[in-house]
Amino acid sequence: MAPHGASQSHATRRVVLIAVVGLAVTAVLYFAGRAIVSTSSYSTTGLFGQTGVGVLRLKSLLATVALGLAVVQVLLALWMYGKLPFAGRAGKPIRLTHRIIGGAAFLVTLPVAIHCATAYGVQLTDWRILVHSIAGCFFYGAFVAKVLLVHNKRLPGWALPVAGGILAVLILVLWYTAGLYYYNGYSVPI
């Protein structure tokens, strides 16, 4: 947490710089994904030996696992910040668990993201696909920003909770526009 005065303005500048880095990652992923659209062949791109509907089933399962881990992450973060009623004080094991589960959630998303990027790229064909594509790019930009924030000790107290909240919301949006879409018979409930 940054002290008041000049140090606080330095801390705010660091947060802005980290946000710019996250947005730059998002932009790189977006433009790379747009370039992939014209060269992709999603009908033959597999994932862990699965093709076609098997890929959709597997990606939906992995996305659901990531969403479950994100919910645990939010609960652990609330506990660490003393906002979880009746939980008591969060000790070091809770902080370590939070980091391990965050890493696991990130790793679970990687095969899904790599398949999406190589098979589909960033498509803007309809609202569901557009939202999913853009949220995917933002997710990895936000992840980079969150990692940079975690390793930066002198920040405003709101920076990490905001970054973590953004990641959780993005995982929910990604799951809603793809995993739930699959589980709901290729329809997104609005």
Protein backbone atom coordinates (compact mmCIF):
# COMPACT_ATOMS: atom_id res chain seq x y z
CA MET A 1 0.00 0.00 0.00
CA ALA A 2 1.39 3.41 -0.93
CA PRO A 3 1.69 6.27 1.57
CA HIS A 4 0.16 9.70 0.93
CA GLY A 5 1.64 12.56 -1.08
CA ALA A 6 4.28 12.20 -3.76
CA SER A 7 4.58 8.45 -3.20
CA GLN A 8 0.85 8.09 -3.82
CA SER A 9 1.14 9.82 -7.20
CA HIS A 10 4.07 7.50 -8.06
CA ALA A 11 1.94 4.53 -7.06
CA THR A 12 -0.93 5.74 -9.23
CA ARG A 13 1.46 6.18 -12.16
CA ARG A 14 2.70 2.61 -11.65
CA VAL A 15 -0.88 1.31 -11.74
CA VAL A 16 -1.55 3.27 -14.93
CA LEU A 17 1.66 1.96 -16.51
CA ILE A 18 0.75 -1.61 -15.57
CA ALA A 19 -2.74 -1.10 -17.01
CA VAL A 20 -1.18 0.15 -20.25
CA VAL A 21 1.01 -2.98 -20.41
CA GLY A 22 -2.10 -5.13 -19.90
CA LEU A 23 -3.92 -3.25 -22.66
CA ALA A 24 -0.90 -3.67 -24.95
CA VAL A 25 -1.01 -7.45 -24.40
CA THR A 26 -4.74 -7.34 -25.14
CA ALA A 27 -4.11 -5.42 -28.37
CA VAL A 28 -1.38 -7.82 -29.51
CA LEU A 29 -3.67 -10.80 -28.90
CA TYR A 30 -6.54 -9.07 -30.69
CA PHE A 31 -4.53 -8.25 -33.82
CA ALA A 32 -2.84 -11.66 -33.88
CA GLY A 33 -6.26 -13.28 -33.52
CA ARG A 34 -7.69 -11.18 -36.33
CA ALA A 35 -4.81 -12.31 -38.57
CA ILE A 36 -5.53 -15.95 -37.72
CA VAL A 37 -9.20 -15.74 -38.78
CA SER A 38 -8.39 -15.89 -42.48
CA THR A 39 -6.04 -18.87 -42.12
CA SER A 40 -7.81 -21.04 -39.54
CA SER A 41 -9.44 -24.41 -40.14
CA TYR A 42 -11.52 -25.07 -37.04
CA SER A 43 -13.12 -28.20 -38.41
CA THR A 44 -9.82 -30.09 -38.19
CA THR A 45 -8.15 -28.41 -35.21
CA GLY A 46 -8.21 -30.80 -32.26
CA LEU A 47 -7.65 -30.53 -28.52
CA PHE A 48 -6.14 -33.40 -26.52
CA GLY A 49 -7.14 -35.86 -29.25
CA GLN A 50 -10.70 -34.55 -29.49
CA THR A 51 -12.22 -33.02 -32.62
CA GLY A 52 -15.62 -31.59 -33.51
CA VAL A 53 -18.20 -31.82 -30.73
CA GLY A 54 -15.64 -33.57 -28.50
CA VAL A 55 -13.57 -30.38 -28.50
CA LEU A 56 -16.59 -28.29 -27.51
CA ARG A 57 -17.40 -30.69 -24.67
CA LEU A 58 -13.81 -30.66 -23.40
CA LYS A 59 -13.44 -26.88 -23.69
CA SER A 60 -16.74 -26.38 -21.87
CA LEU A 61 -15.60 -28.70 -19.09
CA LEU A 62 -12.25 -26.89 -18.74
CA ALA A 63 -14.01 -23.51 -18.79
CA THR A 64 -16.38 -24.69 -16.06
CA VAL A 65 -13.42 -25.83 -13.95
CA ALA A 66 -11.79 -22.41 -14.48
CA LEU A 67 -15.03 -20.70 -13.43
CA GLY A 68 -15.23 -22.85 -10.29
CA LEU A 69 -11.63 -22.01 -9.44
CA ALA A 70 -12.39 -18.32 -10.03
CA VAL A 71 -15.25 -18.50 -7.52
CA VAL A 72 -12.87 -20.05 -4.97
CA GLN A 73 -10.37 -17.28 -5.80
CA VAL A 74 -12.95 -14.58 -5.07
CA LEU A 75 -13.92 -16.22 -1.77
CA LEU A 76 -10.27 -16.55 -0.72
CA ALA A 77 -9.61 -12.92 -1.68
CA LEU A 78 -12.60 -11.78 0.35
CA TRP A 79 -11.23 -13.79 3.28
CA MET A 80 -7.74 -12.28 2.87
CA TYR A 81 -9.20 -8.75 2.84
CA GLY A 82 -11.35 -9.49 5.90
CA LYS A 83 -14.61 -9.18 3.97
CA LEU A 84 -15.85 -12.75 4.45
CA PRO A 85 -18.20 -12.89 7.45
CA PHE A 86 -17.43 -15.43 10.18
CA ALA A 87 -14.18 -16.55 8.51
CA GLY A 88 -11.70 -15.10 10.98
CA ARG A 89 -8.28 -13.89 9.97
CA ALA A 90 -6.71 -15.36 6.85
CA GLY A 91 -3.28 -16.79 7.57
CA LYS A 92 -0.37 -17.57 5.26
CA PRO A 93 -1.86 -20.92 4.14
CA ILE A 94 -4.87 -19.04 2.73
CA ARG A 95 -2.64 -16.66 0.80
CA LEU A 96 -0.61 -19.58 -0.57
CA THR A 97 -3.80 -21.43 -1.49
CA HIS A 98 -5.04 -18.30 -3.28
CA ARG A 99 -1.87 -18.19 -5.38
CA ILE A 100 -1.90 -21.92 -6.15
CA ILE A 101 -5.55 -21.89 -7.20
CA GLY A 102 -4.97 -18.78 -9.30
CA GLY A 103 -2.11 -20.52 -11.08
CA ALA A 104 -4.24 -23.63 -11.59
CA ALA A 105 -7.11 -21.55 -13.01
CA PHE A 106 -4.71 -19.88 -15.42
CA LEU A 107 -3.23 -23.22 -16.51
CA VAL A 108 -6.71 -24.68 -17.09
CA THR A 109 -7.53 -21.78 -19.42
CA LEU A 110 -4.40 -22.17 -21.56
CA PRO A 111 -5.41 -25.22 -23.66
CA VAL A 112 -8.82 -23.65 -24.27
CA ALA A 113 -7.31 -20.31 -25.27
CA ILE A 114 -4.68 -21.88 -27.50
CA HIS A 115 -7.33 -23.93 -29.29
CA CYS A 116 -9.63 -20.92 -29.65
CA ALA A 117 -6.80 -18.78 -30.99
CA THR A 118 -5.49 -21.34 -33.48
CA ALA A 119 -8.86 -22.69 -34.60
CA TYR A 120 -10.98 -19.54 -34.64
CA GLY A 121 -8.84 -16.47 -34.06
CA VAL A 122 -10.71 -13.30 -33.08
CA GLN A 123 -14.03 -13.27 -34.88
CA LEU A 124 -16.55 -10.47 -34.92
CA THR A 125 -19.38 -12.28 -36.71
CA ASP A 126 -22.15 -12.07 -34.11
CA TRP A 127 -22.54 -10.59 -30.61
CA ARG A 128 -21.75 -13.82 -28.70
CA ILE A 129 -18.59 -14.56 -30.65
CA LEU A 130 -17.51 -10.90 -30.59
CA VAL A 131 -17.94 -10.66 -26.80
CA HIS A 132 -16.17 -14.00 -26.30
CA SER A 133 -13.24 -13.07 -28.57
CA ILE A 134 -12.71 -9.65 -27.00
CA ALA A 135 -13.11 -10.99 -23.44
CA GLY A 136 -10.50 -13.67 -24.19
CA CYS A 137 -8.00 -11.05 -25.32
CA PHE A 138 -8.76 -8.88 -22.28
CA PHE A 139 -8.45 -11.85 -19.92
CA TYR A 140 -4.81 -12.48 -20.77
CA GLY A 141 -4.01 -8.76 -20.77
CA ALA A 142 -5.64 -8.47 -17.34
CA PHE A 143 -3.74 -11.53 -16.14
CA VAL A 144 -0.41 -9.96 -17.13
CA ALA A 145 -1.44 -6.75 -15.35
CA LYS A 146 -2.45 -8.67 -12.20
CA VAL A 147 0.89 -10.52 -12.08
CA LEU A 148 2.74 -7.20 -12.43
CA LEU A 149 0.60 -5.69 -9.67
CA VAL A 150 1.25 -8.62 -7.33
CA HIS A 151 4.99 -8.15 -7.71
CA ASN A 152 4.80 -4.40 -7.11
CA LYS A 153 4.78 -3.60 -3.39
CA ARG A 154 3.90 0.09 -3.37
CA LEU A 155 0.42 0.33 -4.82
CA PRO A 156 -2.91 1.83 -3.82
CA GLY A 157 -4.92 -0.63 -1.72
CA TRP A 158 -7.65 -0.89 -4.34
CA ALA A 159 -5.40 -2.03 -7.21
CA LEU A 160 -5.18 -5.79 -6.52
CA PRO A 161 -8.87 -6.29 -5.63
CA VAL A 162 -9.91 -4.43 -8.79
CA ALA A 163 -7.54 -6.47 -10.96
CA GLY A 164 -8.71 -9.73 -9.37
CA GLY A 165 -12.35 -8.73 -9.77
CA ILE A 166 -11.79 -7.93 -13.44
CA LEU A 167 -10.23 -11.38 -13.98
CA ALA A 168 -13.16 -13.10 -12.23
CA VAL A 169 -15.72 -11.18 -14.30
CA LEU A 170 -13.85 -11.98 -17.52
CA ILE A 171 -13.81 -15.71 -16.70
CA LEU A 172 -17.55 -15.52 -16.05
CA VAL A 173 -18.12 -13.73 -19.39
CA LEU A 174 -15.95 -16.27 -21.23
CA TRP A 175 -17.81 -19.18 -19.64
CA TYR A 176 -21.21 -17.59 -20.27
CA THR A 177 -20.48 -16.99 -23.97
CA ALA A 178 -18.98 -20.44 -24.63
CA GLY A 179 -19.34 -23.04 -21.86
CA LEU A 180 -22.92 -22.16 -20.99
CA TYR A 181 -23.64 -21.77 -24.70
CA TYR A 182 -22.60 -25.40 -25.21
CA TYR A 183 -24.41 -26.72 -22.10
CA ASN A 184 -27.58 -24.82 -23.02
CA GLY A 185 -27.92 -26.48 -26.43
CA TYR A 186 -25.98 -23.84 -28.42
CA SER A 187 -28.03 -20.98 -27.04
CA VAL A 188 -27.06 -18.24 -24.60
CA PRO A 189 -29.77 -17.35 -22.10
CA ILE A 190 -30.11 -13.59 -21.86
